[in-house]
Amino acid sequence: MKTMTSMASPAEDTVQEVMSDIGQDKPCYPYGLCLRLTDRELIKLGLSASDLVTGGSLHIHGMARITSVSTNDGAMGKNSSVELQIEELCCGESEDEENEEAETAMSGPMSRLYGKN
């Protein structure tokens, strides 16, 4: 699997500066990167809101169809965009639970190979 990449907006973006000015230290993310799952979608994914906590992490995998690819040549130079429609989604354990399981597995007899005791 490829390395995860942060999609947070750069600090010099106006929105980031405005959020910092009003006391919000959280990073800002571009419009469209937020998924909202209602009870209907949670049930399809085998999840319950009562099992999830704000601030926690949820491992997701998805398949998206490319619905548009465009490149425009304007006054500021070339500008490209790609639109994706998420068509399939699955959610696994939280990253915290996966890390705990990995730590437990690493504490076994093979742990000496990985420098863990």
C-alpha atoms as a PDB file:
ATOM      1  CA  MET A   1       0.000   0.000   0.000  1.00  0.00           C
ATOM      2  CA  LYS A   2       1.221   3.504  -0.759  1.00  0.00           C
ATOM      3  CA  THR A   3       2.167   5.934   1.974  1.00  0.00           C
ATOM      4  CA  MET A   4      -0.624   8.139   3.306  1.00  0.00           C
ATOM      5  CA  THR A   5      -0.449  11.793   2.247  1.00  0.00           C
ATOM      6  CA  SER A   6      -1.897  14.669   4.270  1.00  0.00           C
ATOM      7  CA  MET A   7      -4.467  16.647   2.312  1.00  0.00           C
ATOM      8  CA  ALA A   8      -4.442  19.599   4.735  1.00  0.00           C
ATOM      9  CA  SER A   9      -4.356  22.998   3.064  1.00  0.00           C
ATOM     10  CA  PRO A  10      -1.047  24.879   3.240  1.00  0.00           C
ATOM     11  CA  ALA A  11      -0.783  27.387   6.106  1.00  0.00           C
ATOM     12  CA  GLU A  12      -0.553  30.284   3.652  1.00  0.00           C
ATOM     13  CA  ASP A  13      -4.093  29.640   2.381  1.00  0.00           C
ATOM     14  CA  THR A  14      -6.499  32.380   3.435  1.00  0.00           C
ATOM     15  CA  VAL A  15      -8.973  29.957   5.034  1.00  0.00           C
ATOM     16  CA  GLN A  16      -6.198  28.465   7.189  1.00  0.00           C
ATOM     17  CA  GLU A  17      -5.170  31.940   8.366  1.00  0.00           C
ATOM     18  CA  VAL A  18      -8.763  32.934   9.162  1.00  0.00           C
ATOM     19  CA  MET A  19      -9.320  29.735  11.169  1.00  0.00           C
ATOM     20  CA  SER A  20      -6.096  30.398  13.115  1.00  0.00           C
ATOM     21  CA  ASP A  21      -7.227  33.956  13.836  1.00  0.00           C
ATOM     22  CA  ILE A  22     -10.456  32.730  15.480  1.00  0.00           C
ATOM     23  CA  GLY A  23      -8.637  30.250  17.687  1.00  0.00           C
ATOM     24  CA  GLN A  24      -9.073  27.103  15.607  1.00  0.00           C
ATOM     25  CA  ASP A  25      -5.754  25.225  15.557  1.00  0.00           C
ATOM     26  CA  LYS A  26      -7.173  22.367  13.500  1.00  0.00           C
ATOM     27  CA  PRO A  27      -5.907  21.999   9.920  1.00  0.00           C
ATOM     28  CA  CYS A  28      -8.268  22.962   7.119  1.00  0.00           C
ATOM     29  CA  TYR A  29      -9.061  20.604   4.280  1.00  0.00           C
ATOM     30  CA  PRO A  30     -10.326  21.470   0.795  1.00  0.00           C
ATOM     31  CA  TYR A  31     -14.042  21.309   0.039  1.00  0.00           C
ATOM     32  CA  GLY A  32     -15.159  17.892  -1.125  1.00  0.00           C
ATOM     33  CA  LEU A  33     -12.846  15.812   1.064  1.00  0.00           C
ATOM     34  CA  CYS A  34     -15.479  15.350   3.768  1.00  0.00           C
ATOM     35  CA  LEU A  35     -17.691  12.255   3.650  1.00  0.00           C
ATOM     36  CA  ARG A  36     -20.934  12.243   5.606  1.00  0.00           C
ATOM     37  CA  LEU A  37     -22.360   8.838   6.436  1.00  0.00           C
ATOM     38  CA  THR A  38     -25.925   8.600   7.749  1.00  0.00           C
ATOM     39  CA  ASP A  39     -27.462   5.611   9.537  1.00  0.00           C
ATOM     40  CA  ARG A  40     -28.330   4.131   6.131  1.00  0.00           C
ATOM     41  CA  GLU A  41     -24.674   4.083   5.009  1.00  0.00           C
ATOM     42  CA  LEU A  42     -23.373   3.044   8.434  1.00  0.00           C
ATOM     43  CA  ILE A  43     -25.678   0.009   8.417  1.00  0.00           C
ATOM     44  CA  LYS A  44     -24.456  -0.956   4.927  1.00  0.00           C
ATOM     45  CA  LEU A  45     -20.888  -0.775   6.241  1.00  0.00           C
ATOM     46  CA  GLY A  46     -21.675  -2.770   9.380  1.00  0.00           C
ATOM     47  CA  LEU A  47     -20.939   0.193  11.652  1.00  0.00           C
ATOM     48  CA  SER A  48     -22.839   2.011  14.355  1.00  0.00           C
ATOM     49  CA  ALA A  49     -22.371   5.644  15.400  1.00  0.00           C
ATOM     50  CA  SER A  50     -22.269   4.439  19.007  1.00  0.00           C
ATOM     51  CA  ASP A  51     -19.080   2.487  18.202  1.00  0.00           C
ATOM     52  CA  LEU A  52     -17.295   5.561  16.828  1.00  0.00           C
ATOM     53  CA  VAL A  53     -15.835   8.500  18.736  1.00  0.00           C
ATOM     54  CA  THR A  54     -15.173  12.045  17.586  1.00  0.00           C
ATOM     55  CA  GLY A  55     -11.445  12.488  17.034  1.00  0.00           C
ATOM     56  CA  GLY A  56     -10.873   8.765  16.463  1.00  0.00           C
ATOM     57  CA  SER A  57      -9.620   7.266  13.216  1.00  0.00           C
ATOM     58  CA  LEU A  58     -11.356   4.896  10.843  1.00  0.00           C
ATOM     59  CA  HIS A  59      -9.493   2.976   8.177  1.00  0.00           C
ATOM     60  CA  ILE A  60     -11.293   3.281   4.841  1.00  0.00           C
ATOM     61  CA  HIS A  61     -10.710   1.838   1.392  1.00  0.00           C
ATOM     62  CA  GLY A  62     -12.643   2.988  -1.607  1.00  0.00           C
ATOM     63  CA  MET A  63     -13.125   2.707  -5.322  1.00  0.00           C
ATOM     64  CA  ALA A  64     -14.002   5.826  -7.267  1.00  0.00           C
ATOM     65  CA  ARG A  65     -14.985   6.282 -10.888  1.00  0.00           C
ATOM     66  CA  ILE A  66     -13.298   9.148 -12.742  1.00  0.00           C
ATOM     67  CA  THR A  67     -16.221  11.256 -13.950  1.00  0.00           C
ATOM     68  CA  SER A  68     -14.320  14.203 -15.396  1.00  0.00           C
ATOM     69  CA  VAL A  69     -10.782  15.161 -16.370  1.00  0.00           C
ATOM     70  CA  SER A  70     -10.122  18.699 -17.543  1.00  0.00           C
ATOM     71  CA  THR A  71      -7.229  21.054 -18.159  1.00  0.00           C
ATOM     72  CA  ASN A  72      -7.806  24.758 -18.721  1.00  0.00           C
ATOM     73  CA  ASP A  73      -5.271  27.294 -19.929  1.00  0.00           C
ATOM     74  CA  GLY A  74      -5.975  30.624 -18.259  1.00  0.00           C
ATOM     75  CA  ALA A  75      -4.261  33.825 -17.230  1.00  0.00           C
ATOM     76  CA  MET A  76      -2.537  32.052 -14.325  1.00  0.00           C
ATOM     77  CA  GLY A  77      -1.327  29.161 -16.491  1.00  0.00           C
ATOM     78  CA  LYS A  78      -2.633  25.642 -16.854  1.00  0.00           C
ATOM     79  CA  ASN A  79      -5.055  24.395 -14.242  1.00  0.00           C
ATOM     80  CA  SER A  80      -6.101  20.732 -14.103  1.00  0.00           C
ATOM     81  CA  SER A  81      -8.848  18.988 -12.187  1.00  0.00           C
ATOM     82  CA  VAL A  82     -10.213  15.489 -11.826  1.00  0.00           C
ATOM     83  CA  GLU A  83     -13.635  14.631 -10.406  1.00  0.00           C
ATOM     84  CA  LEU A  84     -14.216  11.298  -8.707  1.00  0.00           C
ATOM     85  CA  GLN A  85     -17.450   9.622  -7.714  1.00  0.00           C
ATOM     86  CA  ILE A  86     -16.919   7.214  -4.837  1.00  0.00           C
ATOM     87  CA  GLU A  87     -18.806   4.060  -5.853  1.00  0.00           C
ATOM     88  CA  GLU A  88     -17.586   1.487  -3.339  1.00  0.00           C
ATOM     89  CA  LEU A  89     -16.390   1.967   0.212  1.00  0.00           C
ATOM     90  CA  CYS A  90     -15.387  -0.312   3.040  1.00  0.00           C
ATOM     91  CA  CYS A  91     -14.363   0.587   6.552  1.00  0.00           C
ATOM     92  CA  GLY A  92     -12.096  -1.450   8.778  1.00  0.00           C
ATOM     93  CA  GLU A  93     -11.062  -1.217  12.354  1.00  0.00           C
ATOM     94  CA  SER A  94      -9.855   2.070  13.713  1.00  0.00           C
ATOM     95  CA  GLU A  95      -6.187   2.819  13.190  1.00  0.00           C
ATOM     96  CA  ASP A  96      -5.770   2.834  16.977  1.00  0.00           C
ATOM     97  CA  GLU A  97      -7.138  -0.737  17.254  1.00  0.00           C
ATOM     98  CA  GLU A  98      -4.964  -1.899  14.337  1.00  0.00           C
ATOM     99  CA  ASN A  99      -1.886  -0.362  15.982  1.00  0.00           C
ATOM    100  CA  GLU A 100      -2.720  -2.040  19.308  1.00  0.00           C
ATOM    101  CA  GLU A 101      -3.081  -5.410  17.565  1.00  0.00           C
ATOM    102  CA  ALA A 102       0.238  -4.891  15.777  1.00  0.00           C
ATOM    103  CA  GLU A 103       1.943  -3.998  19.061  1.00  0.00           C
ATOM    104  CA  THR A 104       0.517  -7.120  20.700  1.00  0.00           C
ATOM    105  CA  ALA A 105       1.710  -9.275  17.812  1.00  0.00           C
ATOM    106  CA  MET A 106       5.148  -7.639  17.967  1.00  0.00           C
ATOM    107  CA  SER A 107       5.542  -8.533  21.655  1.00  0.00           C
ATOM    108  CA  GLY A 108       5.611 -12.260  20.846  1.00  0.00           C
ATOM    109  CA  PRO A 109       8.638 -14.496  20.144  1.00  0.00           C
ATOM    110  CA  MET A 110       9.444 -12.684  16.883  1.00  0.00           C
ATOM    111  CA  SER A 111       9.720  -9.323  18.656  1.00  0.00           C
ATOM    112  CA  ARG A 112      13.495  -9.634  18.986  1.00  0.00           C
ATOM    113  CA  LEU A 113      13.735  -9.386  15.209  1.00  0.00           C
ATOM    114  CA  TYR A 114      12.027  -6.006  15.280  1.00  0.00           C
ATOM    115  CA  GLY A 115      13.780  -4.565  18.307  1.00  0.00           C
ATOM    116  CA  LYS A 116      10.747  -4.855  20.594  1.00  0.00           C
ATOM    117  CA  ASN A 117      10.780  -6.588  23.959  1.00  0.00           C
END
